[in-house]
Protein backbone atom coordinates (compact mmCIF):
# COMPACT_ATOMS: atom_id res chain seq x y z
CA UNK A 1 0.29 0.10 0.03
CA UNK A 2 0.69 3.62 -0.38
CA UNK A 3 -0.57 5.29 2.12
CA UNK A 4 -1.43 8.62 3.51
CA UNK A 5 0.38 11.37 3.94
CA UNK A 6 2.11 10.20 0.91
CA UNK A 7 -0.96 9.74 -0.95
CA UNK A 8 -4.18 10.77 -0.23
CA UNK A 9 -5.95 7.76 -0.28
CA UNK A 10 -4.39 4.05 -0.28
CA UNK A 11 -3.07 2.55 -3.21
CA UNK A 12 -2.33 -1.08 -4.00
CA UNK A 13 1.02 -2.29 -5.06
CA UNK A 14 -0.72 -4.52 -7.70
CA UNK A 15 -2.43 -1.87 -9.17
CA UNK A 16 0.57 0.98 -9.75
CA UNK A 17 2.60 -2.23 -10.92
CA UNK A 18 0.31 -3.33 -13.00
CA UNK A 19 0.42 -0.70 -15.45
CA UNK A 20 1.17 -1.40 -18.65
CA UNK A 21 4.51 1.01 -18.87
CA UNK A 22 5.65 -1.22 -15.86
CA UNK A 23 8.07 -3.72 -16.59
CA UNK A 24 8.88 -5.59 -13.17
CA UNK A 25 7.90 -5.21 -9.34
CA UNK A 26 10.13 -5.42 -6.24
CA UNK A 27 9.76 -5.40 -2.91
CA UNK A 28 11.83 -5.06 0.37
CA UNK A 29 11.93 -7.34 3.72
CA UNK A 30 13.17 -6.09 6.48
CA UNK A 31 12.42 -7.58 10.23
CA UNK A 32 15.02 -5.52 12.39
CA UNK A 33 13.18 -2.84 14.97
CA UNK A 34 14.80 0.11 14.20
CA UNK A 35 14.40 -0.37 9.92
CA UNK A 36 11.87 -2.59 9.76
CA UNK A 37 8.79 -2.73 7.92
CA UNK A 38 8.23 -6.36 9.44
CA UNK A 39 9.58 -6.19 12.87
CA UNK A 40 6.83 -8.60 14.51
CA UNK A 41 8.12 -11.46 12.39
CA UNK A 42 7.71 -14.59 14.12
CA UNK A 43 10.84 -17.18 13.81
CA UNK A 44 10.19 -19.22 17.58
CA UNK A 45 8.84 -22.10 15.37
CA UNK A 46 11.69 -22.29 13.30
CA UNK A 47 14.15 -23.13 15.99
CA UNK A 48 15.40 -20.00 17.18
CA UNK A 49 16.79 -18.92 20.30
CA UNK A 50 13.97 -18.22 22.91
CA UNK A 51 15.18 -14.93 22.76
CA UNK A 52 13.68 -14.13 19.91
CA UNK A 53 10.51 -15.50 20.62
CA UNK A 54 8.70 -12.86 23.35
CA UNK A 55 5.34 -11.40 22.91
CA UNK A 56 6.61 -8.52 20.60
CA UNK A 57 8.02 -10.77 18.13
CA UNK A 58 5.53 -14.22 18.84
CA UNK A 59 3.21 -12.40 16.60
CA UNK A 60 0.26 -14.88 15.01
CA UNK A 61 1.96 -15.99 11.85
CA UNK A 62 5.13 -15.57 10.48
CA UNK A 63 4.85 -12.19 8.78
CA UNK A 64 8.28 -11.93 6.43
CA UNK A 65 7.75 -15.43 5.09
CA UNK A 66 3.86 -14.39 4.75
CA UNK A 67 5.37 -11.23 2.86
CA UNK A 68 7.68 -12.74 0.79
CA UNK A 69 5.22 -15.62 -0.29
CA UNK A 70 2.04 -12.95 -1.09
CA UNK A 71 4.36 -10.88 -3.32
CA UNK A 72 5.78 -13.92 -5.21
CA UNK A 73 2.16 -15.17 -5.52
CA UNK A 74 0.85 -11.62 -6.50
CA UNK A 75 3.24 -11.53 -9.33
CA UNK A 76 2.42 -14.70 -10.82
CA UNK A 77 -1.10 -14.66 -10.55
CA UNK A 78 -2.20 -10.94 -10.62
CA UNK A 79 0.75 -9.53 -12.24
CA UNK A 80 1.94 -11.53 -14.77
CA UNK A 81 5.44 -9.74 -14.59
CA UNK A 82 8.64 -10.63 -13.12
CA UNK A 83 9.51 -9.57 -9.42
CA UNK A 84 12.77 -9.06 -7.41
CA UNK A 85 13.25 -9.12 -3.49
CA UNK A 86 15.40 -5.87 -4.10
CA UNK A 87 16.41 -5.45 -0.25
CA UNK A 88 16.91 -7.37 2.77
CA UNK A 89 19.38 -7.93 5.24
CA UNK A 90 19.66 -8.39 8.94
CA UNK A 91 21.89 -6.98 11.45
CA UNK A 92 24.35 -8.67 13.30
CA UNK A 93 26.03 -6.79 15.64
CA UNK A 94 24.69 -5.97 19.19
CA UNK A 95 24.84 -2.30 18.54
CA UNK A 96 23.30 0.14 16.08
CA UNK A 97 24.69 3.50 15.40
CA UNK A 98 22.34 6.41 14.60
CA UNK A 99 23.36 9.84 14.31
CA UNK A 100 25.59 12.09 16.01
CA UNK A 101 27.07 8.79 17.47
CA UNK A 102 23.74 7.73 18.96
CA UNK A 103 24.27 4.11 20.21
CA UNK A 104 21.53 1.63 21.07
CA UNK A 105 21.02 -2.17 21.26
CA UNK A 106 19.73 -4.40 18.83
CA UNK A 107 16.31 -5.72 19.60
CA UNK A 108 16.13 -8.46 18.69
CA UNK A 109 19.89 -9.39 19.09
CA UNK A 110 20.14 -11.67 15.88
CA UNK A 111 23.77 -13.18 15.93
CA UNK A 112 25.31 -14.53 12.52
CA UNK A 113 23.84 -17.80 13.04
CA UNK A 114 20.81 -16.40 12.86
CA UNK A 115 21.45 -14.64 9.63
CA UNK A 116 22.28 -18.12 8.22
CA UNK A 117 18.57 -19.35 8.67
CA UNK A 118 16.98 -16.69 7.58
CA UNK A 119 18.66 -15.73 4.43
CA UNK A 120 18.34 -19.33 3.46
CA UNK A 121 14.74 -19.37 4.29
CA UNK A 122 14.22 -16.59 2.05
CA UNK A 123 16.20 -17.88 -0.95
CA UNK A 124 14.35 -20.88 -0.73
CA UNK A 125 11.06 -18.59 -1.20
CA UNK A 126 12.58 -16.84 -3.95
CA UNK A 127 14.14 -19.60 -5.37
CA UNK A 128 11.02 -22.32 -5.46
CA UNK A 129 8.46 -19.39 -5.16
CA UNK A 130 9.05 -18.14 -8.99
CA UNK A 131 10.78 -14.97 -8.23
CA UNK A 132 13.49 -13.45 -10.91
CA UNK A 133 16.09 -12.60 -7.93
CA UNK A 134 16.96 -10.95 -4.72
CA UNK A 135 19.48 -8.28 -3.78
CA UNK A 136 20.71 -8.19 -0.01
CA UNK A 137 22.04 -5.29 1.53
CA UNK A 138 24.91 -5.03 1.65
CA UNK A 139 28.16 -6.22 -0.10
CA UNK A 140 31.73 -5.07 1.68
CA UNK A 141 35.05 -5.98 0.02
CA UNK A 142 37.86 -7.79 1.98
CA UNK A 143 39.61 -5.15 4.18
CA UNK A 144 36.66 -2.93 4.08
CA UNK A 145 36.55 -0.62 7.44
CA UNK A 146 39.12 -2.74 8.89
CA UNK A 147 42.27 -1.45 11.35
CA UNK A 148 45.20 -3.97 11.84
CA UNK A 149 45.66 -4.57 15.70
CA UNK A 150 48.77 -6.44 15.27
CA UNK A 151 50.70 -8.13 11.98
CA UNK A 152 52.48 -10.12 14.29
CA UNK A 153 56.11 -9.59 12.39
CA UNK A 154 57.37 -9.09 16.35
CA UNK A 155 56.90 -10.92 19.64
CA UNK A 156 56.36 -7.24 21.11
CA UNK A 157 53.92 -7.79 23.45
CA UNK A 158 52.98 -10.96 22.91
CA UNK A 159 52.98 -14.06 25.73
CA UNK A 160 52.28 -17.49 26.73
CA UNK A 161 49.48 -17.44 29.33
CA UNK A 162 50.89 -19.30 32.34
CA UNK A 163 47.62 -20.53 33.11
CA UNK A 164 47.10 -22.59 29.96
CA UNK A 165 48.92 -25.71 27.87
CA UNK A 166 50.81 -23.42 26.15
CA UNK A 167 54.36 -24.13 26.42
CA UNK A 168 56.34 -22.05 24.04
CA UNK A 169 55.39 -18.93 21.79
CA UNK A 170 57.86 -18.02 18.39
CA UNK A 171 58.13 -16.37 15.49
CA UNK A 172 57.47 -18.68 12.21
CA UNK A 173 57.31 -17.92 8.13
CA UNK A 174 55.88 -21.95 7.46
CA UNK A 175 52.67 -20.58 8.13
CA UNK A 176 51.49 -16.90 7.14
CA UNK A 177 47.91 -15.16 6.25
CA UNK A 178 49.98 -11.57 5.90
CA UNK A 179 53.34 -10.54 5.94
CA UNK A 180 56.07 -12.61 6.06
CA UNK A 181 55.49 -13.93 9.80
CA UNK A 182 53.16 -15.43 12.07
CA UNK A 183 53.10 -16.50 15.63
CA UNK A 184 53.86 -20.47 16.61
CA UNK A 185 52.08 -21.52 19.91
CA UNK A 186 53.30 -24.89 20.86
CA UNK A 187 50.98 -26.17 23.59
CA UNK A 188 50.68 -29.89 25.59
CA UNK A 189 47.82 -31.61 27.48
CA UNK A 190 50.17 -32.98 29.86
CA UNK A 191 50.21 -29.52 31.50
CA UNK A 192 46.61 -30.61 32.77
CA UNK A 193 44.53 -27.04 31.69
CA UNK A 194 42.09 -28.34 28.61
CA UNK A 195 43.00 -24.99 27.25
CA UNK A 196 45.68 -22.95 25.55
CA UNK A 197 46.21 -19.29 25.46
CA UNK A 198 48.33 -16.47 23.71
CA UNK A 199 47.92 -13.11 25.22
CA UNK A 200 48.71 -9.72 23.33
CA UNK A 201 48.84 -7.02 26.35
CA UNK A 202 49.85 -3.12 26.83
CA UNK A 203 47.02 -2.42 24.73
CA UNK A 204 44.99 0.56 25.17
CA UNK A 205 42.11 0.40 22.96
CA UNK A 206 38.55 2.48 22.81
CA UNK A 207 36.06 0.13 20.80
CA UNK A 208 33.32 1.69 22.39
CA UNK A 209 33.64 5.48 21.48
CA UNK A 210 34.90 4.24 18.03
CA UNK A 211 32.22 2.29 17.29
CA UNK A 212 34.30 -0.84 16.51
CA UNK A 213 32.21 -3.63 16.16
CA UNK A 214 33.91 -7.24 14.98
CA UNK A 215 37.52 -8.69 15.88
CA UNK A 216 39.06 -11.12 13.36
CA UNK A 217 41.90 -13.55 13.82
CA UNK A 218 43.57 -16.03 11.44
CA UNK A 219 44.88 -19.41 12.97
CA UNK A 220 46.44 -22.51 10.93
CA UNK A 221 45.57 -25.56 12.68
CA UNK A 222 48.17 -28.26 12.78
CA UNK A 223 47.80 -30.10 15.76
CA UNK A 224 44.34 -31.99 16.50
CA UNK A 225 42.46 -28.95 18.11
CA UNK A 226 38.87 -28.74 17.52
CA UNK A 227 37.73 -24.97 19.20
CA UNK A 228 38.67 -22.14 19.29
CA UNK A 229 37.93 -17.90 20.87
CA UNK A 230 39.21 -15.17 21.98
CA UNK A 231 38.91 -13.39 25.00
CA UNK A 232 39.15 -9.35 25.74
CA UNK A 233 40.63 -8.23 29.05
CA UNK A 234 39.13 -4.30 29.82
CA UNK A 235 39.42 -1.79 32.92
CA UNK A 236 42.35 -1.58 35.77
CA UNK A 237 42.54 -4.98 37.47
CA UNK A 238 41.20 -6.54 34.22
CA UNK A 239 38.22 -7.72 33.70
CA UNK A 240 37.88 -10.74 31.88
CA UNK A 241 35.46 -11.58 29.04
CA UNK A 242 35.62 -14.41 26.51
CA UNK A 243 33.54 -15.36 23.58
CA UNK A 244 31.41 -18.30 22.58
CA UNK A 245 33.84 -21.35 21.12
CA UNK A 246 34.18 -21.73 17.25
CA UNK A 247 34.87 -24.79 15.60
CA UNK A 248 38.27 -25.29 14.29
CA UNK A 249 39.66 -27.14 11.20
CA UNK A 250 42.71 -28.47 10.23
CA UNK A 251 44.42 -25.47 8.19
CA UNK A 252 43.42 -22.04 8.18
CA UNK A 253 40.90 -21.21 10.41
CA UNK A 254 38.92 -17.60 10.62
CA UNK A 255 37.35 -16.47 14.01
CA UNK A 256 35.27 -13.43 13.66
CA UNK A 257 33.62 -12.07 17.32
CA UNK A 258 31.68 -9.58 17.58
CA UNK A 259 32.52 -7.28 20.25
CA UNK A 260 29.55 -5.30 20.87
CA UNK A 261 27.44 -8.36 21.66
CA UNK A 262 25.67 -9.09 24.56
CA UNK A 263 27.02 -13.06 24.20
CA UNK A 264 30.05 -13.00 26.26
CA UNK A 265 30.82 -14.79 29.71
CA UNK A 266 32.36 -13.55 32.20
CA UNK A 267 32.63 -13.83 36.55
CA UNK A 268 29.71 -11.43 36.04
CA UNK A 269 27.34 -14.02 33.92
CA UNK A 270 28.51 -16.62 36.01
CA UNK A 271 30.59 -17.61 33.13
CA UNK A 272 27.13 -17.92 30.94
CA UNK A 273 27.48 -15.90 27.40
CA UNK A 274 24.60 -13.48 28.38
CA UNK A 275 26.66 -10.61 28.68
CA UNK A 276 28.03 -7.67 27.23
CA UNK A 277 32.28 -6.76 27.38
CA UNK A 278 32.35 -3.88 30.51
CA UNK A 279 34.18 -1.00 29.75
CA UNK A 280 34.74 -1.43 26.18
CA UNK A 281 36.42 2.28 25.97
CA UNK A 282 39.55 0.44 28.00
CA UNK A 283 40.74 -2.70 25.99
CA UNK A 284 44.06 -3.42 27.97
CA UNK A 285 44.57 -7.47 26.82
CA UNK A 286 43.64 -9.76 24.03
CA UNK A 287 43.63 -13.65 24.49
CA UNK A 288 43.72 -16.22 21.77
CA UNK A 289 42.57 -19.59 23.13
CA UNK A 290 42.05 -23.04 21.67
CA UNK A 291 40.55 -26.11 23.22
CA UNK A 292 39.79 -30.03 22.69
CA UNK A 293 43.18 -31.39 21.87
CA UNK A 294 44.16 -34.81 23.00
CA UNK A 295 48.24 -34.26 22.37
CA UNK A 296 50.89 -31.64 22.09
CA UNK A 297 50.58 -29.52 18.88
CA UNK A 298 51.17 -26.09 17.28
CA UNK A 299 48.76 -23.58 15.81
CA UNK A 300 49.74 -20.24 14.19
CA UNK A 301 48.32 -17.11 14.74
CA UNK A 302 48.33 -14.25 12.37
CA UNK A 303 46.50 -10.91 10.87
CA UNK A 304 44.94 -9.72 14.19
CA UNK A 305 42.59 -6.81 13.50
CA UNK A 306 39.01 -5.19 14.24
CA UNK A 307 37.07 -3.13 11.49
CA UNK A 308 33.50 -0.88 12.17
CA UNK A 309 29.98 -2.87 10.92
CA UNK A 310 26.78 -1.90 11.61
CA UNK A 311 26.03 -5.49 10.86
CA UNK A 312 24.44 -5.51 7.46
CA UNK A 313 27.27 -5.38 5.12
CA UNK A 314 28.23 -8.68 4.42
CA UNK A 315 31.80 -9.41 3.48
CA UNK A 316 33.70 -12.30 1.33
CA UNK A 317 35.19 -14.21 4.59
CA UNK A 318 31.73 -13.85 6.24
CA UNK A 319 29.91 -17.54 6.99
CA UNK A 320 26.75 -15.96 4.71
CA UNK A 321 29.22 -15.37 1.54
CA UNK A 322 28.90 -19.32 0.54
CA UNK A 323 24.76 -19.15 0.83
CA UNK A 324 24.40 -16.32 -0.93
CA UNK A 325 26.99 -17.55 -3.60
CA UNK A 326 25.39 -20.93 -4.14
CA UNK A 327 21.85 -19.38 -4.11
CA UNK A 328 23.49 -17.01 -7.22
CA UNK A 329 24.75 -19.97 -9.29
CA UNK A 330 21.45 -21.68 -8.53
CA UNK A 331 19.33 -19.34 -9.49
CA UNK A 332 21.44 -19.21 -12.86
CA UNK A 333 21.54 -22.69 -13.12
CA UNK A 334 25.48 -23.12 -13.17
CA UNK A 335 27.90 -25.04 -10.64
CA UNK A 336 29.73 -22.92 -8.10
CA UNK A 337 32.83 -22.63 -6.31
CA UNK A 338 33.72 -20.62 -3.84
CA UNK A 339 37.27 -20.50 -1.92
CA UNK A 340 37.39 -17.90 0.80
CA UNK A 341 40.70 -19.09 2.64
CA UNK A 342 43.52 -21.24 2.06
CA UNK A 343 42.95 -24.65 2.81
CA UNK A 344 45.17 -27.74 3.43
CA UNK A 345 44.57 -31.90 3.18
CA UNK A 346 44.15 -33.59 6.33
CA UNK A 347 47.43 -34.94 6.29
CA UNK A 348 49.11 -32.02 7.25
CA UNK A 349 47.75 -32.16 10.53
CA UNK A 350 48.82 -34.51 13.25
């Protein structure tokens, strides 16, 4: 509909698109509260976290998918013209940034996993519903709005965490994602900590007032570790905040965490992943950890960086990128092959 004050009377979209000089139809789908035309979309029934299933979002039907279905059906049966879902997106950072530096919490607090599921649902509708295409908002390029925190060309300010299974750190040129060197971290489970960390100290970073959002590090897994995470220590005395663990495969991995999200665990949250990072304007130390190993081994850490992100931008290294590429190839009816990180065979790992 086009309604007052833009028009004196309501106008059906179908009536406007049905005009003979209109070649095709478009529609948009947004469900974030502060950008939304559909902020009451119900995703609870599809296995989403309970935080999305409160009264505000638990509506009488799944409004977003219904919205897509109705537009595709109208294009097929009433308008008989091509239709494109020409703009949609999901915010996946904890904060939104408004004019004049205004900052507010996202509601609902979507995660990368939510965005993966929602995009796949949308793409299934687009592909099976006869749409001519879709355009998500929006695409970023590698390195966009990115700031390098440490290139790992020296060991300055790096140290082995004494309360972990880390036995030694050194510089290496064996496995490098940027520059000429990386940090090799050796670990041994016989130390009994069931975790191995390397620390980058002597930081004085303000990530709150500068709108930094995502922290990223490359890890080459040459051992049998299965999980990795990042910890951020702030304030004086230091307060430890740890991210959720992410799966590690043999070879290159990229760990990405949202420093503005309310998914961090700390003493304040009884080590549940339900809190934000306190004193984000006073970051003093970063720690990179691995878990799930059963024998001595090594990992290589490189290219630690942080960047501003409003949560809409999809970068080539994001988990969502392969799903977008696969959908585009399916719509075009062609094979699709995508590589976003260097890979190695499992034979190179211990």
